[in-house]
C-alpha atoms as a PDB file:
ATOM      1  CA  MET A   1     -44.759  66.651  44.091  1.00  0.00           C
ATOM      2  CA  ALA A   2     -45.553  67.423  40.626  1.00  0.00           C
ATOM      3  CA  HIS A   3     -43.080  68.606  38.005  1.00  0.00           C
ATOM      4  CA  ASP A   4     -41.306  71.991  38.265  1.00  0.00           C
ATOM      5  CA  GLY A   5     -40.847  71.588  42.013  1.00  0.00           C
ATOM      6  CA  MET A   6     -44.540  72.594  42.655  1.00  0.00           C
ATOM      7  CA  THR A   7     -47.340  70.557  44.085  1.00  0.00           C
ATOM      8  CA  ARG A   8     -50.424  69.674  42.159  1.00  0.00           C
ATOM      9  CA  ARG A   9     -52.398  72.228  44.186  1.00  0.00           C
ATOM     10  CA  GLU A  10     -49.905  74.960  43.239  1.00  0.00           C
ATOM     11  CA  ASN A  11     -50.126  74.064  39.552  1.00  0.00           C
ATOM     12  CA  ARG A  12     -53.996  73.969  39.775  1.00  0.00           C
ATOM     13  CA  GLN A  13     -53.953  77.464  41.433  1.00  0.00           C
ATOM     14  CA  LEU A  14     -51.693  78.817  38.700  1.00  0.00           C
ATOM     15  CA  ALA A  15     -54.017  77.327  35.987  1.00  0.00           C
ATOM     16  CA  VAL A  16     -56.946  79.051  37.413  1.00  0.00           C
ATOM     17  CA  ALA A  17     -54.946  82.343  37.856  1.00  0.00           C
ATOM     18  CA  SER A  18     -53.802  82.175  34.217  1.00  0.00           C
ATOM     19  CA  ALA A  19     -57.424  81.691  33.108  1.00  0.00           C
ATOM     20  CA  THR A  20     -58.347  85.035  34.737  1.00  0.00           C
ATOM     21  CA  VAL A  21     -56.155  87.135  32.367  1.00  0.00           C
ATOM     22  CA  GLY A  22     -58.443  86.610  29.288  1.00  0.00           C
ATOM     23  CA  PRO A  23     -60.246  89.423  27.513  1.00  0.00           C
ATOM     24  CA  TRP A  24     -63.455  88.882  29.456  1.00  0.00           C
ATOM     25  CA  ARG A  25     -65.406  91.756  28.066  1.00  0.00           C
ATOM     26  CA  THR A  26     -64.737  90.877  24.470  1.00  0.00           C
ATOM     27  CA  ALA A  27     -65.549  87.227  25.266  1.00  0.00           C
ATOM     28  CA  ALA A  28     -68.833  88.178  26.874  1.00  0.00           C
ATOM     29  CA  GLY A  29     -69.657  90.336  23.791  1.00  0.00           C
ATOM     30  CA  VAL A  30     -68.887  87.521  21.393  1.00  0.00           C
ATOM     31  CA  GLY A  31     -70.769  84.992  23.491  1.00  0.00           C
ATOM     32  CA  ALA A  32     -73.802  87.217  23.697  1.00  0.00           C
ATOM     33  CA  VAL A  33     -73.849  87.801  19.886  1.00  0.00           C
ATOM     34  CA  VAL A  34     -73.466  84.179  19.058  1.00  0.00           C
ATOM     35  CA  GLY A  35     -76.087  83.219  21.668  1.00  0.00           C
ATOM     36  CA  ALA A  36     -78.548  85.797  20.347  1.00  0.00           C
ATOM     37  CA  THR A  37     -78.035  84.728  16.768  1.00  0.00           C
ATOM     38  CA  ALA A  38     -78.604  81.082  17.693  1.00  0.00           C
ATOM     39  CA  LEU A  39     -81.685  82.114  19.628  1.00  0.00           C
ATOM     40  CA  GLY A  40     -82.919  84.014  16.543  1.00  0.00           C
ATOM     41  CA  VAL A  41     -82.456  80.974  14.415  1.00  0.00           C
ATOM     42  CA  GLU A  42     -84.340  78.848  16.971  1.00  0.00           C
ATOM     43  CA  ALA A  43     -87.132  81.424  17.054  1.00  0.00           C
ATOM     44  CA  ILE A  44     -87.383  81.451  13.329  1.00  0.00           C
ATOM     45  CA  SER A  45     -87.764  77.678  13.343  1.00  0.00           C
ATOM     46  CA  GLY A  46     -91.045  78.047  15.250  1.00  0.00           C
ATOM     47  CA  ASN A  47     -90.359  75.415  17.906  1.00  0.00           C
ATOM     48  CA  TRP A  48     -91.379  77.556  20.953  1.00  0.00           C
ATOM     49  CA  SER A  49     -90.572  76.003  24.273  1.00  0.00           C
ATOM     50  CA  LEU A  50     -88.145  76.476  27.117  1.00  0.00           C
ATOM     51  CA  GLY A  51     -85.993  73.868  25.494  1.00  0.00           C
ATOM     52  CA  MET A  52     -85.210  76.283  22.643  1.00  0.00           C
ATOM     53  CA  LEU A  53     -82.945  78.177  25.098  1.00  0.00           C
ATOM     54  CA  ALA A  54     -80.535  75.302  25.704  1.00  0.00           C
ATOM     55  CA  GLY A  55     -78.815  75.204  22.357  1.00  0.00           C
ATOM     56  CA  PRO A  56     -78.224  78.971  22.078  1.00  0.00           C
ATOM     57  CA  ALA A  57     -77.032  79.063  25.739  1.00  0.00           C
ATOM     58  CA  GLY A  58     -74.458  76.257  24.877  1.00  0.00           C
ATOM     59  CA  TRP A  59     -73.313  78.075  21.768  1.00  0.00           C
ATOM     60  CA  GLY A  60     -72.940  81.373  23.641  1.00  0.00           C
ATOM     61  CA  LEU A  61     -71.074  79.658  26.509  1.00  0.00           C
ATOM     62  CA  PHE A  62     -68.742  77.867  24.110  1.00  0.00           C
ATOM     63  CA  PHE A  63     -67.650  80.995  22.157  1.00  0.00           C
ATOM     64  CA  PHE A  64     -67.397  82.961  25.485  1.00  0.00           C
ATOM     65  CA  PHE A  65     -64.869  80.404  26.972  1.00  0.00           C
ATOM     66  CA  LEU A  66     -63.137  80.034  23.679  1.00  0.00           C
ATOM     67  CA  VAL A  67     -62.403  83.722  23.200  1.00  0.00           C
ATOM     68  CA  ALA A  68     -61.519  84.101  26.827  1.00  0.00           C
ATOM     69  CA  SER A  69     -59.063  81.128  26.894  1.00  0.00           C
ATOM     70  CA  VAL A  70     -57.469  81.646  23.576  1.00  0.00           C
ATOM     71  CA  GLY A  71     -57.329  85.386  23.985  1.00  0.00           C
ATOM     72  CA  GLY A  72     -55.739  84.992  27.382  1.00  0.00           C
ATOM     73  CA  GLN A  73     -53.090  82.818  25.881  1.00  0.00           C
ATOM     74  CA  LEU A  74     -52.381  85.183  23.073  1.00  0.00           C
ATOM     75  CA  ARG A  75     -52.470  88.287  25.175  1.00  0.00           C
ATOM     76  CA  ARG A  76     -49.112  90.144  25.642  1.00  0.00           C
ATOM     77  CA  ASP A  77     -50.057  92.747  28.168  1.00  0.00           C
ATOM     78  CA  THR A  78     -50.282  90.462  31.184  1.00  0.00           C
ATOM     79  CA  ALA A  79     -49.169  92.305  34.348  1.00  0.00           C
ATOM     80  CA  ASP A  80     -47.686  89.315  36.108  1.00  0.00           C
ATOM     81  CA  ARG A  81     -44.741  87.884  33.911  1.00  0.00           C
ATOM     82  CA  ARG A  82     -44.289  84.842  36.120  1.00  0.00           C
ATOM     83  CA  LEU A  83     -47.872  83.808  35.523  1.00  0.00           C
ATOM     84  CA  ARG A  84     -47.514  84.462  31.825  1.00  0.00           C
ATOM     85  CA  ARG A  85     -44.284  82.282  31.680  1.00  0.00           C
ATOM     86  CA  TRP A  86     -46.045  79.439  33.585  1.00  0.00           C
ATOM     87  CA  ALA A  87     -49.002  79.557  31.183  1.00  0.00           C
ATOM     88  CA  ASP A  88     -46.740  79.538  28.207  1.00  0.00           C
ATOM     89  CA  ALA A  89     -44.898  76.531  29.528  1.00  0.00           C
ATOM     90  CA  HIS A  90     -48.023  74.596  30.443  1.00  0.00           C
ATOM     91  CA  PRO A  91     -50.535  75.364  27.588  1.00  0.00           C
ATOM     92  CA  TRP A  92     -52.698  72.205  28.290  1.00  0.00           C
ATOM     93  CA  GLN A  93     -52.918  72.936  32.025  1.00  0.00           C
ATOM     94  CA  SER A  94     -53.814  76.587  31.506  1.00  0.00           C
ATOM     95  CA  ALA A  95     -56.663  75.522  29.187  1.00  0.00           C
ATOM     96  CA  LEU A  96     -58.264  73.147  31.693  1.00  0.00           C
ATOM     97  CA  PRO A  97     -60.074  75.744  33.862  1.00  0.00           C
ATOM     98  CA  ALA A  98     -61.995  77.143  30.766  1.00  0.00           C
ATOM     99  CA  ALA A  99     -62.855  73.586  29.599  1.00  0.00           C
ATOM    100  CA  GLY A 100     -64.065  72.681  33.014  1.00  0.00           C
ATOM    101  CA  GLY A 101     -66.039  75.873  33.407  1.00  0.00           C
ATOM    102  CA  LEU A 102     -67.650  75.212  30.083  1.00  0.00           C
ATOM    103  CA  LEU A 103     -68.452  71.680  30.987  1.00  0.00           C
ATOM    104  CA  VAL A 104     -70.165  72.674  34.276  1.00  0.00           C
ATOM    105  CA  LEU A 105     -72.053  75.677  32.915  1.00  0.00           C
ATOM    106  CA  ASN A 106     -73.236  74.015  29.711  1.00  0.00           C
ATOM    107  CA  MET A 107     -74.338  70.953  31.667  1.00  0.00           C
ATOM    108  CA  LEU A 108     -76.446  73.138  33.913  1.00  0.00           C
ATOM    109  CA  ALA A 109     -77.879  74.916  30.932  1.00  0.00           C
ATOM    110  CA  GLN A 110     -78.772  71.686  29.243  1.00  0.00           C
ATOM    111  CA  LEU A 111     -80.203  70.314  32.442  1.00  0.00           C
ATOM    112  CA  PHE A 112     -82.385  73.208  33.357  1.00  0.00           C
ATOM    113  CA  LEU A 113     -83.216  74.711  30.037  1.00  0.00           C
ATOM    114  CA  GLY A 114     -83.261  71.620  27.840  1.00  0.00           C
ATOM    115  CA  ASP A 115     -84.815  68.230  27.928  1.00  0.00           C
ATOM    116  CA  ALA A 116     -81.843  66.346  28.970  1.00  0.00           C
ATOM    117  CA  GLY A 117     -81.537  64.539  32.264  1.00  0.00           C
ATOM    118  CA  LEU A 118     -78.380  64.625  34.423  1.00  0.00           C
ATOM    119  CA  PHE A 119     -76.259  62.182  32.541  1.00  0.00           C
ATOM    120  CA  GLY A 120     -77.576  63.278  29.191  1.00  0.00           C
ATOM    121  CA  ALA A 121     -76.603  66.877  29.979  1.00  0.00           C
ATOM    122  CA  PHE A 122     -73.198  65.726  31.096  1.00  0.00           C
ATOM    123  CA  PHE A 123     -72.485  63.726  27.928  1.00  0.00           C
ATOM    124  CA  VAL A 124     -73.873  66.413  25.643  1.00  0.00           C
ATOM    125  CA  SER A 125     -71.488  68.918  27.470  1.00  0.00           C
ATOM    126  CA  LEU A 126     -68.365  66.764  27.232  1.00  0.00           C
ATOM    127  CA  LEU A 127     -68.005  67.277  23.416  1.00  0.00           C
ATOM    128  CA  PRO A 128     -67.879  71.221  23.512  1.00  0.00           C
ATOM    129  CA  ALA A 129     -65.623  71.071  26.481  1.00  0.00           C
ATOM    130  CA  GLY A 130     -63.272  68.579  24.746  1.00  0.00           C
ATOM    131  CA  ILE A 131     -63.189  70.737  21.591  1.00  0.00           C
ATOM    132  CA  LEU A 132     -62.460  73.911  23.648  1.00  0.00           C
ATOM    133  CA  LEU A 133     -59.637  72.037  25.535  1.00  0.00           C
ATOM    134  CA  ALA A 134     -58.208  70.836  22.201  1.00  0.00           C
ATOM    135  CA  ILE A 135     -58.338  74.273  20.496  1.00  0.00           C
ATOM    136  CA  ALA A 136     -56.834  76.169  23.538  1.00  0.00           C
ATOM    137  CA  GLY A 137     -54.227  73.538  24.155  1.00  0.00           C
ATOM    138  CA  VAL A 138     -53.139  73.455  20.419  1.00  0.00           C
ATOM    139  CA  VAL A 139     -53.033  77.303  20.331  1.00  0.00           C
ATOM    140  CA  GLY A 140     -50.883  77.332  23.530  1.00  0.00           C
ATOM    141  CA  SER A 141     -48.700  74.589  22.229  1.00  0.00           C
ATOM    142  CA  VAL A 142     -48.167  76.409  18.947  1.00  0.00           C
ATOM    143  CA  LYS A 143     -47.288  79.594  20.841  1.00  0.00           C
ATOM    144  CA  GLN A 144     -44.831  77.770  23.062  1.00  0.00           C
ATOM    145  CA  ALA A 145     -43.134  76.115  20.031  1.00  0.00           C
ATOM    146  CA  ARG A 146     -42.945  79.376  18.186  1.00  0.00           C
ATOM    147  CA  GLY A 147     -41.493  81.103  21.273  1.00  0.00           C
ATOM    148  CA  LYS A 148     -38.671  78.491  21.486  1.00  0.00           C
ATOM    149  CA  GLY A 149     -37.821  78.805  17.768  1.00  0.00           C
END
Protein backbone atom coordinates (compact mmCIF):
# COMPACT_ATOMS: atom_id res chain seq x y z
CA MET A 1 0.00 0.00 0.00
CA ALA A 2 1.18 3.46 -0.80
CA HIS A 3 0.35 6.58 1.18
CA ASP A 4 -3.18 7.99 1.51
CA GLY A 5 -4.58 4.46 1.72
CA MET A 6 -4.28 3.96 -2.04
CA THR A 7 -2.20 1.46 -3.93
CA ARG A 8 0.59 2.49 -6.28
CA ARG A 9 -1.59 1.54 -9.21
CA GLU A 10 -4.39 3.84 -8.04
CA ASN A 11 -1.90 6.68 -7.56
CA ARG A 12 -0.55 6.10 -11.09
CA GLN A 13 -4.07 6.14 -12.52
CA LEU A 14 -4.84 9.39 -10.72
CA ALA A 15 -1.60 10.93 -12.00
CA VAL A 16 -2.49 10.07 -15.59
CA ALA A 17 -6.06 11.30 -15.09
CA SER A 18 -4.82 14.59 -13.65
CA ALA A 19 -2.56 15.03 -16.68
CA THR A 20 -5.58 14.91 -18.98
CA VAL A 21 -7.13 18.13 -17.63
CA GLY A 22 -4.52 20.39 -19.22
CA PRO A 23 -5.28 23.01 -21.87
CA TRP A 24 -4.46 20.75 -24.80
CA ARG A 25 -5.48 23.05 -27.65
CA THR A 26 -3.41 25.89 -26.29
CA ALA A 27 -0.51 23.52 -25.67
CA ALA A 28 -0.73 22.20 -29.24
CA GLY A 29 -0.73 25.75 -30.60
CA VAL A 30 2.27 26.80 -28.52
CA GLY A 31 4.16 23.62 -29.42
CA ALA A 32 3.43 24.11 -33.11
CA VAL A 33 4.56 27.75 -33.07
CA VAL A 34 7.78 26.94 -31.19
CA GLY A 35 8.50 23.94 -33.43
CA ALA A 36 7.83 25.94 -36.60
CA THR A 37 10.04 28.78 -35.37
CA ALA A 38 12.86 26.37 -34.57
CA LEU A 39 12.44 24.75 -37.98
CA GLY A 40 12.64 28.18 -39.60
CA VAL A 41 15.88 28.89 -37.78
CA GLU A 42 17.24 25.49 -38.88
CA ALA A 43 16.18 26.17 -42.48
CA ILE A 44 17.94 29.53 -42.49
CA SER A 45 21.14 27.87 -41.29
CA GLY A 46 21.25 25.94 -44.57
CA ASN A 47 21.93 22.52 -43.08
CA TRP A 48 19.33 20.64 -45.15
CA SER A 49 18.84 17.05 -44.03
CA LEU A 50 16.35 14.88 -42.21
CA GLY A 51 18.33 15.52 -39.04
CA MET A 52 17.28 19.16 -39.07
CA LEU A 53 13.79 18.05 -37.98
CA ALA A 54 14.89 16.44 -34.70
CA GLY A 55 15.71 19.65 -32.83
CA PRO A 56 12.54 21.54 -33.75
CA ALA A 57 10.44 18.46 -32.96
CA GLY A 58 12.07 18.29 -29.53
CA TRP A 59 11.45 21.98 -28.85
CA GLY A 60 7.84 21.70 -29.97
CA LEU A 61 7.24 18.63 -27.80
CA PHE A 62 8.87 20.28 -24.78
CA PHE A 63 6.69 23.38 -24.95
CA PHE A 64 3.59 21.30 -25.72
CA PHE A 65 4.04 19.25 -22.56
CA LEU A 66 5.14 22.27 -20.53
CA VAL A 67 2.04 24.30 -21.33
CA ALA A 68 -0.22 21.26 -20.89
CA SER A 69 1.18 20.18 -17.52
CA VAL A 70 1.63 23.61 -15.93
CA GLY A 71 -1.66 24.83 -17.38
CA GLY A 72 -3.42 21.75 -16.01
CA GLN A 73 -2.03 22.44 -12.54
CA LEU A 74 -3.04 26.10 -12.61
CA ARG A 75 -6.44 25.51 -14.14
CA ARG A 76 -9.40 26.25 -11.89
CA ASP A 77 -12.30 24.95 -13.98
CA THR A 78 -11.61 21.23 -13.52
CA ALA A 79 -14.87 19.30 -13.45
CA ASP A 80 -13.75 16.66 -10.95
CA ARG A 81 -12.89 18.30 -7.62
CA ARG A 82 -11.52 15.08 -6.15
CA LEU A 83 -9.04 14.76 -8.99
CA ARG A 84 -8.04 18.39 -8.55
CA ARG A 85 -7.52 17.92 -4.80
CA TRP A 86 -5.37 14.85 -5.44
CA ALA A 87 -3.26 16.71 -8.02
CA ASP A 88 -2.88 19.65 -5.65
CA ALA A 89 -1.76 17.32 -2.85
CA HIS A 90 0.66 15.38 -5.10
CA PRO A 91 2.32 17.95 -7.41
CA TRP A 92 5.33 15.81 -8.30
CA GLN A 93 3.31 12.70 -9.05
CA SER A 94 0.93 14.67 -11.25
CA ALA A 95 3.93 16.01 -13.23
CA LEU A 96 5.34 12.55 -13.94
CA PRO A 97 3.05 11.55 -16.88
CA ALA A 98 3.95 14.69 -18.83
CA ALA A 99 7.67 14.16 -18.22
CA GLY A 100 7.35 10.50 -19.20
CA GLY A 101 5.43 11.37 -22.34
CA LEU A 102 8.05 13.94 -23.30
CA LEU A 103 10.84 11.45 -22.65
CA VAL A 104 9.30 8.80 -24.89
CA LEU A 105 8.16 11.06 -27.73
CA ASN A 106 11.35 13.12 -27.79
CA MET A 107 13.38 9.92 -27.76
CA LEU A 108 11.45 8.66 -30.77
CA ALA A 109 11.88 11.99 -32.56
CA GLN A 110 15.63 11.98 -31.91
CA LEU A 111 15.89 8.34 -32.94
CA PHE A 112 13.94 8.52 -36.19
CA LEU A 113 14.51 12.13 -37.27
CA GLY A 114 17.98 12.73 -35.89
CA ASP A 115 21.36 11.09 -36.08
CA ALA A 116 21.28 9.59 -32.58
CA GLY A 117 21.18 5.90 -31.81
CA LEU A 118 18.89 4.35 -29.21
CA PHE A 119 20.99 5.19 -26.16
CA GLY A 120 21.99 8.59 -27.52
CA ALA A 121 18.37 9.49 -28.14
CA PHE A 122 17.46 8.34 -24.64
CA PHE A 123 20.17 10.38 -22.96
CA VAL A 124 19.45 13.45 -25.10
CA SER A 125 15.79 13.21 -24.06
CA LEU A 126 16.50 12.85 -20.34
CA LEU A 127 17.47 16.50 -19.86
CA PRO A 128 14.29 18.09 -21.29
CA ALA A 129 12.14 15.55 -19.43
CA GLY A 130 13.96 16.32 -16.18
CA ILE A 131 13.60 20.06 -16.72
CA LEU A 132 9.89 19.64 -17.44
CA LEU A 133 9.45 17.52 -14.30
CA ALA A 134 11.28 20.13 -12.23
CA ILE A 135 9.28 23.07 -13.58
CA ALA A 136 5.89 21.35 -13.27
CA GLY A 137 6.74 19.96 -9.83
CA VAL A 138 7.89 23.32 -8.50
CA VAL A 139 4.82 25.08 -9.90
CA GLY A 140 2.58 22.48 -8.28
CA SER A 141 4.48 22.69 -4.98
CA VAL A 142 4.25 26.47 -4.91
CA LYS A 143 0.55 26.26 -5.67
CA GLN A 144 0.15 23.71 -2.88
CA ALA A 145 2.07 25.91 -0.42
CA ARG A 146 0.08 29.01 -1.33
CA GLY A 147 -3.18 27.10 -0.94
CA LYS A 148 -2.29 26.10 2.63
CA GLY A 149 -1.30 29.61 3.62
